[in-house]
């Protein structure tokens, strides 16, 4: 294989690969020290939206009770569950409301106006906090806090999930948290507080709830962007919490194709707002520029790969695969020192395939967004008159 014989698609794909690697290496060498904090649980109410969460919510609530929250400061908004979730809520005597067909964002908006403590711990019904401390002291200086969210399908106090798909996601999440989140933490500009769990000031959630479009896809990303666009400071607490992830390829594809990736197109203009906003710190601009780059360049990346395959350039493809593994090796070793993902070397060898699969799903998610935006209207931008379940009426 000589330079003259290399396909132009080889060069295009290599450029995209090097950009990805440069981003990770910039972040991995610029991580700040972990933040210290104290926890005052009397200032916190846990707000849990749920829909048919009977299979997971009991353990989530038990963890919150063990953490020191009394039942009256665990507020569950049940979006019309039909699986008997309400029976568990009544049995555990937590405060709860049952309002059908409201959707997750409206359930959150309904709940935040019924919180009386200064801080809100917003979490999904399948999130286990385990032994994590709630970093309330950080909210005396900052506006919101992200946690170290990790996947685990079985014993959520440790990495016990054994399936390869779960292990892949454990590495993906760990890389995002240990490298990406810690990098952004240096300028108090975490770009996405995971929907699994986040700690917020009640007054800011209440003040900005109407700015949220109400769209489920990327609801956590949108909430964080709203914080940042309103001069909020968002930091990272390295406290591990556990969430459920898909353990089958089909379920994983559905999660990302229908739930995660359409948000990139829904919030695309917000990326530009943060990128060119004068108050945005450079690390946040760095993240927004990369998001824009990914959205615009991904089709060219995948098309280049398809053409390399179509032309049967197997030596060039093998070189690109080896280059991907080489560039991934250092981040992989850093992550594995911090957290054992399970099936380490299988994860390492197959991670390029996993990453490219995500790229393909992001491209097809554009069609999902078009459908939901212009056909079904699920992802249209809503005005104030469209929003419901916000401020409480007489109860």
Protein backbone atom coordinates (compact mmCIF):
# COMPACT_ATOMS: atom_id res chain seq x y z
CA UNK A 1 0.00 0.00 0.00
CA UNK A 2 1.64 3.23 -1.21
CA UNK A 3 0.57 6.83 -0.68
CA UNK A 4 -0.33 7.10 -4.35
CA UNK A 5 -2.68 4.11 -4.12
CA UNK A 6 -4.64 5.37 -1.14
CA UNK A 7 -8.30 6.19 -1.75
CA UNK A 8 -9.45 9.79 -1.12
CA UNK A 9 -12.08 8.24 1.15
CA UNK A 10 -9.25 6.89 3.26
CA UNK A 11 -8.00 10.43 3.87
CA UNK A 12 -11.49 11.74 4.64
CA UNK A 13 -12.13 9.02 7.21
CA UNK A 14 -8.67 9.48 8.73
CA UNK A 15 -9.30 13.20 9.25
CA UNK A 16 -12.53 12.47 11.14
CA UNK A 17 -10.76 9.84 13.21
CA UNK A 18 -7.96 12.23 14.17
CA UNK A 19 -10.43 14.96 15.13
CA UNK A 20 -12.16 12.52 17.49
CA UNK A 21 -8.83 11.49 18.99
CA UNK A 22 -7.67 15.10 19.38
CA UNK A 23 -10.83 15.95 21.32
CA UNK A 24 -10.32 13.08 23.76
CA UNK A 25 -6.62 13.77 24.26
CA UNK A 26 -7.23 17.48 24.89
CA UNK A 27 -9.78 16.51 27.54
CA UNK A 28 -7.81 13.72 29.16
CA UNK A 29 -4.78 15.95 29.79
CA UNK A 30 -6.80 18.85 31.17
CA UNK A 31 -8.88 17.25 33.90
CA UNK A 32 -9.11 19.12 37.22
CA UNK A 33 -8.99 17.53 40.65
CA UNK A 34 -12.20 16.11 42.05
CA UNK A 35 -14.44 18.45 44.02
CA UNK A 36 -14.94 18.04 47.75
CA UNK A 37 -18.31 18.77 49.37
CA UNK A 38 -20.62 18.11 52.32
CA UNK A 39 -24.16 16.78 52.34
CA UNK A 40 -27.21 18.22 54.14
CA UNK A 41 -30.14 15.97 53.34
CA UNK A 42 -32.67 18.18 55.14
CA UNK A 43 -32.39 20.62 52.20
CA UNK A 44 -33.28 18.02 49.56
CA UNK A 45 -36.45 16.62 48.03
CA UNK A 46 -36.12 13.72 45.58
CA UNK A 47 -38.39 14.08 42.54
CA UNK A 48 -39.00 10.88 40.58
CA UNK A 49 -41.13 10.81 37.40
CA UNK A 50 -42.30 7.30 36.56
CA UNK A 51 -44.40 5.35 34.08
CA UNK A 52 -44.87 1.62 34.58
CA UNK A 53 -41.84 1.47 36.83
CA UNK A 54 -43.00 -1.33 39.10
CA UNK A 55 -40.00 -3.51 38.26
CA UNK A 56 -37.38 -0.95 39.29
CA UNK A 57 -38.81 1.79 41.48
CA UNK A 58 -38.91 -0.09 44.80
CA UNK A 59 -35.11 -0.38 45.01
CA UNK A 60 -34.69 3.22 43.89
CA UNK A 61 -36.95 4.40 46.72
CA UNK A 62 -35.20 2.14 49.26
CA UNK A 63 -31.87 3.76 48.39
CA UNK A 64 -33.34 7.22 48.90
CA UNK A 65 -34.76 6.22 52.28
CA UNK A 66 -31.40 4.73 53.30
CA UNK A 67 -29.73 7.99 52.28
CA UNK A 68 -31.76 9.83 54.91
CA UNK A 69 -34.74 11.19 52.99
CA UNK A 70 -38.07 10.76 54.82
CA UNK A 71 -41.05 9.52 52.76
CA UNK A 72 -42.63 12.98 52.62
CA UNK A 73 -39.55 14.35 50.83
CA UNK A 74 -39.61 11.65 48.17
CA UNK A 75 -42.04 12.94 45.56
CA UNK A 76 -43.09 10.53 42.80
CA UNK A 77 -45.13 11.70 39.81
CA UNK A 78 -46.84 8.66 38.30
CA UNK A 79 -47.71 9.21 34.66
CA UNK A 80 -50.74 6.91 34.66
CA UNK A 81 -48.90 3.62 35.23
CA UNK A 82 -50.96 0.50 34.53
CA UNK A 83 -48.60 -2.07 36.04
CA UNK A 84 -49.36 -1.52 39.71
CA UNK A 85 -46.64 1.05 40.38
CA UNK A 86 -49.05 3.01 42.58
CA UNK A 87 -49.34 0.01 44.92
CA UNK A 88 -45.61 0.20 45.67
CA UNK A 89 -45.84 3.96 46.23
CA UNK A 90 -48.70 3.52 48.68
CA UNK A 91 -46.95 0.64 50.43
CA UNK A 92 -43.76 2.70 50.92
CA UNK A 93 -45.80 5.76 51.97
CA UNK A 94 -43.88 8.17 49.76
CA UNK A 95 -45.59 11.33 48.60
CA UNK A 96 -47.02 10.79 45.13
CA UNK A 97 -49.41 12.07 42.50
CA UNK A 98 -51.01 10.08 39.71
CA UNK A 99 -51.78 12.08 36.58
CA UNK A 100 -52.12 10.13 33.31
CA UNK A 101 -50.72 10.98 29.88
CA UNK A 102 -48.55 13.91 30.86
CA UNK A 103 -45.14 12.75 29.64
CA UNK A 104 -41.83 12.94 31.48
CA UNK A 105 -41.13 16.66 31.06
CA UNK A 106 -44.62 17.67 32.16
CA UNK A 107 -44.38 15.28 35.10
CA UNK A 108 -41.16 16.99 36.18
CA UNK A 109 -42.73 20.44 35.76
CA UNK A 110 -45.74 19.30 37.76
CA UNK A 111 -43.47 18.05 40.53
CA UNK A 112 -41.03 20.94 40.88
CA UNK A 113 -43.81 23.35 41.87
CA UNK A 114 -44.73 21.01 44.70
CA UNK A 115 -41.24 20.95 46.23
CA UNK A 116 -40.64 23.14 49.28
CA UNK A 117 -36.97 22.42 50.01
CA UNK A 118 -34.29 24.60 48.36
CA UNK A 119 -32.78 21.70 46.39
CA UNK A 120 -34.27 19.08 44.08
CA UNK A 121 -32.66 15.71 43.43
CA UNK A 122 -34.18 14.83 40.08
CA UNK A 123 -33.78 11.15 39.17
CA UNK A 124 -35.25 8.38 37.05
CA UNK A 125 -37.23 5.54 38.58
CA UNK A 126 -34.46 3.04 37.73
CA UNK A 127 -31.55 5.02 39.22
CA UNK A 128 -29.88 3.56 42.29
CA UNK A 129 -27.84 6.03 44.33
CA UNK A 130 -26.26 3.27 46.40
CA UNK A 131 -23.71 4.82 48.74
CA UNK A 132 -23.38 8.08 46.80
CA UNK A 133 -23.37 11.27 48.85
CA UNK A 134 -25.64 14.13 47.77
CA UNK A 135 -23.37 17.20 47.23
CA UNK A 136 -25.64 19.90 48.63
CA UNK A 137 -22.80 22.23 49.67
CA UNK A 138 -21.87 22.72 46.01
CA UNK A 139 -25.21 24.46 45.42
CA UNK A 140 -24.20 27.26 47.76
CA UNK A 141 -21.75 28.30 45.03
CA UNK A 142 -23.02 26.70 41.81
CA UNK A 143 -26.43 26.18 40.19
CA UNK A 144 -26.60 22.48 39.36
CA UNK A 145 -24.58 19.30 39.86
CA UNK A 146 -24.07 16.26 37.63
CA UNK A 147 -23.22 12.82 39.04
CA UNK A 148 -21.00 10.00 37.81
CA UNK A 149 -23.65 7.85 36.13
CA UNK A 150 -22.65 4.26 35.36
CA UNK A 151 -24.60 1.35 33.87
CA UNK A 152 -25.27 -1.79 35.83
CA UNK A 153 -28.04 -4.26 35.19
CA UNK A 154 -27.81 -6.42 38.29
CA UNK A 155 -26.09 -5.51 41.55
CA UNK A 156 -25.93 -1.75 41.14
CA UNK A 157 -23.45 -1.35 43.99
CA UNK A 158 -20.75 -2.72 41.71
CA UNK A 159 -20.05 -3.59 38.09
CA UNK A 160 -21.66 -7.03 37.96
CA UNK A 161 -23.42 -6.95 34.55
CA UNK A 162 -21.84 -9.66 32.44
CA UNK A 163 -23.18 -9.10 28.91
CA UNK A 164 -20.88 -7.64 26.27
CA UNK A 165 -23.43 -4.95 25.33
CA UNK A 166 -23.59 -3.81 28.96
CA UNK A 167 -19.80 -3.80 29.24
CA UNK A 168 -19.52 -1.71 26.07
CA UNK A 169 -21.88 0.85 27.52
CA UNK A 170 -20.04 0.82 30.83
CA UNK A 171 -16.87 1.84 29.03
CA UNK A 172 -18.75 4.43 26.97
CA UNK A 173 -20.37 5.99 30.06
CA UNK A 174 -17.13 5.84 32.07
CA UNK A 175 -15.23 7.58 29.28
CA UNK A 176 -17.87 10.30 29.11
CA UNK A 177 -17.82 10.82 32.88
CA UNK A 178 -14.15 10.39 33.80
CA UNK A 179 -12.82 12.30 30.79
CA UNK A 180 -15.57 14.47 29.33
CA UNK A 181 -17.42 15.55 32.49
CA UNK A 182 -14.26 16.16 34.49
CA UNK A 183 -12.81 18.23 31.65
CA UNK A 184 -15.89 20.48 31.50
CA UNK A 185 -16.00 20.70 35.29
CA UNK A 186 -12.92 22.96 35.26
CA UNK A 187 -15.03 25.82 33.91
CA UNK A 188 -18.28 24.86 35.68
CA UNK A 189 -19.83 24.11 32.29
CA UNK A 190 -21.04 20.49 32.27
CA UNK A 191 -22.99 20.35 29.02
CA UNK A 192 -25.46 17.63 30.00
CA UNK A 193 -26.68 16.55 33.41
CA UNK A 194 -27.83 12.99 32.83
CA UNK A 195 -31.56 12.40 33.06
CA UNK A 196 -30.70 9.50 35.37
CA UNK A 197 -29.89 11.92 38.20
CA UNK A 198 -29.01 15.54 38.85
CA UNK A 199 -29.10 18.02 41.74
CA UNK A 200 -30.74 21.40 41.07
CA UNK A 201 -31.83 24.56 42.82
CA UNK A 202 -35.60 24.49 43.12
CA UNK A 203 -35.96 28.19 42.35
CA UNK A 204 -34.13 27.86 39.04
CA UNK A 205 -36.09 24.80 37.94
CA UNK A 206 -39.29 26.67 38.68
CA UNK A 207 -38.13 29.85 36.98
CA UNK A 208 -37.04 28.17 33.75
CA UNK A 209 -39.52 25.30 33.40
CA UNK A 210 -41.48 27.17 30.72
CA UNK A 211 -38.35 27.45 28.54
CA UNK A 212 -38.29 23.68 28.01
CA UNK A 213 -40.01 22.60 24.80
CA UNK A 214 -41.51 19.59 26.56
CA UNK A 215 -39.90 17.16 24.12
CA UNK A 216 -38.85 13.83 25.63
CA UNK A 217 -35.85 13.27 23.35
CA UNK A 218 -32.85 14.88 25.03
CA UNK A 219 -34.98 16.33 27.83
CA UNK A 220 -31.96 16.23 30.16
CA UNK A 221 -29.65 17.87 27.62
CA UNK A 222 -32.20 20.60 26.99
CA UNK A 223 -32.65 21.27 30.71
CA UNK A 224 -28.89 21.64 31.14
CA UNK A 225 -28.57 23.94 28.13
CA UNK A 226 -31.31 26.14 29.58
CA UNK A 227 -29.28 26.40 32.79
CA UNK A 228 -26.16 27.39 30.85
CA UNK A 229 -27.97 29.92 28.64
CA UNK A 230 -29.30 31.58 31.80
CA UNK A 231 -25.83 32.13 33.29
CA UNK A 232 -25.95 28.92 35.29
CA UNK A 233 -22.86 27.13 36.54
CA UNK A 234 -23.02 23.34 36.28
CA UNK A 235 -20.38 21.19 38.01
CA UNK A 236 -19.53 17.53 38.42
CA UNK A 237 -19.53 15.47 41.61
CA UNK A 238 -17.61 12.21 41.21
CA UNK A 239 -20.19 10.18 43.11
CA UNK A 240 -21.06 6.90 41.32
CA UNK A 241 -24.74 6.10 40.85
CA UNK A 242 -26.17 3.19 38.89
CA UNK A 243 -28.66 3.11 36.05
CA UNK A 244 -30.23 0.42 33.89
CA UNK A 245 -29.06 0.12 30.28
CA UNK A 246 -30.31 -2.04 27.39
CA UNK A 247 -28.68 -5.46 27.27
CA UNK A 248 -29.79 -6.39 23.75
CA UNK A 249 -28.67 -4.86 20.46
CA UNK A 250 -32.23 -4.16 19.34
CA UNK A 251 -33.17 -2.42 22.59
CA UNK A 252 -29.98 -0.36 22.49
CA UNK A 253 -30.66 0.72 18.90
CA UNK A 254 -34.25 1.73 19.75
CA UNK A 255 -33.08 3.73 22.76
CA UNK A 256 -30.65 5.79 20.71
CA UNK A 257 -32.53 6.02 17.44
CA UNK A 258 -35.84 7.10 18.99
CA UNK A 259 -34.77 8.56 22.33
CA UNK A 260 -31.25 10.00 22.34
CA UNK A 261 -30.01 11.07 18.95
CA UNK A 262 -33.01 13.03 17.54
CA UNK A 263 -32.17 15.53 20.30
CA UNK A 264 -29.06 16.60 18.37
CA UNK A 265 -31.28 17.98 15.60
CA UNK A 266 -33.91 19.35 17.96
CA UNK A 267 -31.27 21.31 19.90
CA UNK A 268 -28.91 22.06 17.03
CA UNK A 269 -29.51 25.83 17.11
CA UNK A 270 -28.85 25.83 20.86
CA UNK A 271 -25.36 24.48 20.17
CA UNK A 272 -24.68 27.59 18.10
CA UNK A 273 -26.13 29.82 20.83
CA UNK A 274 -23.71 28.41 23.39
CA UNK A 275 -20.79 28.40 20.95
CA UNK A 276 -21.10 32.09 20.10
CA UNK A 277 -22.40 33.31 23.44
CA UNK A 278 -19.88 35.71 24.92
CA UNK A 279 -20.19 34.30 28.44
CA UNK A 280 -19.56 30.68 27.42
CA UNK A 281 -16.23 29.34 28.77
CA UNK A 282 -13.83 27.82 26.28
CA UNK A 283 -14.40 24.24 27.41
CA UNK A 284 -18.12 24.58 26.76
CA UNK A 285 -17.41 26.12 23.35
CA UNK A 286 -15.08 23.19 22.68
CA UNK A 287 -17.93 20.75 23.36
CA UNK A 288 -20.50 22.68 21.31
CA UNK A 289 -18.11 23.00 18.36
CA UNK A 290 -17.58 19.25 18.44
CA UNK A 291 -21.34 18.58 18.60
CA UNK A 292 -21.86 20.77 15.55
CA UNK A 293 -18.97 19.08 13.76
CA UNK A 294 -20.43 15.64 14.45
CA UNK A 295 -23.92 16.54 13.22
CA UNK A 296 -22.59 18.07 10.00
CA UNK A 297 -19.79 15.65 9.21
CA UNK A 298 -21.18 12.26 10.24
CA UNK A 299 -22.80 11.48 6.85
CA UNK A 300 -19.47 12.10 5.10
CA UNK A 301 -17.66 9.89 7.58
CA UNK A 302 -20.02 6.96 7.06
CA UNK A 303 -20.16 7.49 3.29
CA UNK A 304 -16.35 7.32 3.18
CA UNK A 305 -16.40 4.05 5.08
CA UNK A 306 -19.09 2.63 2.78
CA UNK A 307 -17.03 3.56 -0.29
CA UNK A 308 -13.90 1.93 1.16
CA UNK A 309 -15.93 -1.24 1.70
CA UNK A 310 -17.57 -0.98 -1.73
CA UNK A 311 -14.18 -0.70 -3.42
CA UNK A 312 -12.85 -3.67 -1.46
CA UNK A 313 -9.90 -1.73 -0.02
CA UNK A 314 -9.34 -4.21 2.79
CA UNK A 315 -5.74 -3.23 3.54
CA UNK A 316 -6.75 0.40 3.97
CA UNK A 317 -9.71 -0.61 6.10
CA UNK A 318 -7.45 -2.77 8.29
CA UNK A 319 -5.04 0.15 8.72
CA UNK A 320 -7.89 2.45 9.79
CA UNK A 321 -9.12 -0.14 12.30
CA UNK A 322 -5.62 -0.51 13.75
CA UNK A 323 -5.27 3.29 13.94
CA UNK A 324 -8.60 3.54 15.77
CA UNK A 325 -7.44 0.94 18.31
CA UNK A 326 -4.10 2.71 18.77
CA UNK A 327 -5.73 6.08 19.40
CA UNK A 328 -8.24 4.48 21.79
CA UNK A 329 -5.60 2.61 23.81
CA UNK A 330 -4.53 5.41 26.15
CA UNK A 331 -8.09 6.53 27.08
CA UNK A 332 -8.97 2.86 27.52
CA UNK A 333 -6.13 2.29 29.99
CA UNK A 334 -7.02 5.46 31.90
CA UNK A 335 -10.64 4.34 32.27
CA UNK A 336 -9.75 0.79 33.25
CA UNK A 337 -7.53 2.08 36.04
CA UNK A 338 -10.52 3.95 37.45
CA UNK A 339 -13.29 1.45 36.78
CA UNK A 340 -13.38 -2.16 35.65
CA UNK A 341 -15.87 -2.30 32.79
CA UNK A 342 -15.79 -6.08 32.54
CA UNK A 343 -14.69 -8.04 29.44
CA UNK A 344 -11.95 -5.48 29.03
CA UNK A 345 -10.14 -6.62 25.91
CA UNK A 346 -13.29 -7.68 24.07
CA UNK A 347 -14.58 -4.15 24.73
CA UNK A 348 -11.34 -2.65 23.44
CA UNK A 349 -11.23 -4.73 20.26
CA UNK A 350 -14.89 -4.22 19.38
CA UNK A 351 -15.28 -0.60 20.46
CA UNK A 352 -14.60 0.74 16.92
CA UNK A 353 -17.60 -1.25 15.68
CA UNK A 354 -19.69 0.07 18.58
CA UNK A 355 -18.66 3.66 17.82
CA UNK A 356 -19.44 3.36 14.12
CA UNK A 357 -22.80 1.79 14.91
CA UNK A 358 -23.64 4.83 17.00
CA UNK A 359 -22.62 7.07 14.10
CA UNK A 360 -24.99 5.23 11.75
CA UNK A 361 -27.82 5.54 14.29
CA UNK A 362 -27.17 9.28 14.63
CA UNK A 363 -27.58 9.69 10.88
CA UNK A 364 -30.83 7.71 10.75
CA UNK A 365 -32.06 9.67 13.79
CA UNK A 366 -32.35 12.67 11.45
CA UNK A 367 -35.21 10.91 9.70
CA UNK A 368 -36.80 10.13 13.08
CA UNK A 369 -36.56 13.82 13.97
CA UNK A 370 -38.10 14.87 10.64
CA UNK A 371 -40.98 12.46 11.20
CA UNK A 372 -41.59 13.52 14.80
CA UNK A 373 -41.09 17.19 14.05
CA UNK A 374 -43.17 17.66 10.91
CA UNK A 375 -45.49 14.63 10.69
CA UNK A 376 -46.52 13.61 14.21
CA UNK A 377 -45.62 16.95 15.82
CA UNK A 378 -44.11 15.23 18.86
CA UNK A 379 -40.91 17.24 18.56
CA UNK A 380 -42.34 20.56 17.45
CA UNK A 381 -41.35 23.66 19.38
CA UNK A 382 -44.18 24.47 21.75
CA UNK A 383 -45.34 27.80 23.06
CA UNK A 384 -46.52 28.64 26.55
CA UNK A 385 -50.15 27.82 25.68
CA UNK A 386 -49.15 24.25 24.81
CA UNK A 387 -47.56 23.53 28.17
CA UNK A 388 -49.55 21.96 30.98
CA UNK A 389 -49.04 20.70 34.50
CA UNK A 390 -46.78 23.56 35.54
CA UNK A 391 -47.84 25.71 38.45
CA UNK A 392 -50.06 24.03 41.03
CA UNK A 393 -53.73 24.82 41.29
CA UNK A 394 -55.66 24.40 44.50
CA UNK A 395 -55.13 20.86 45.72
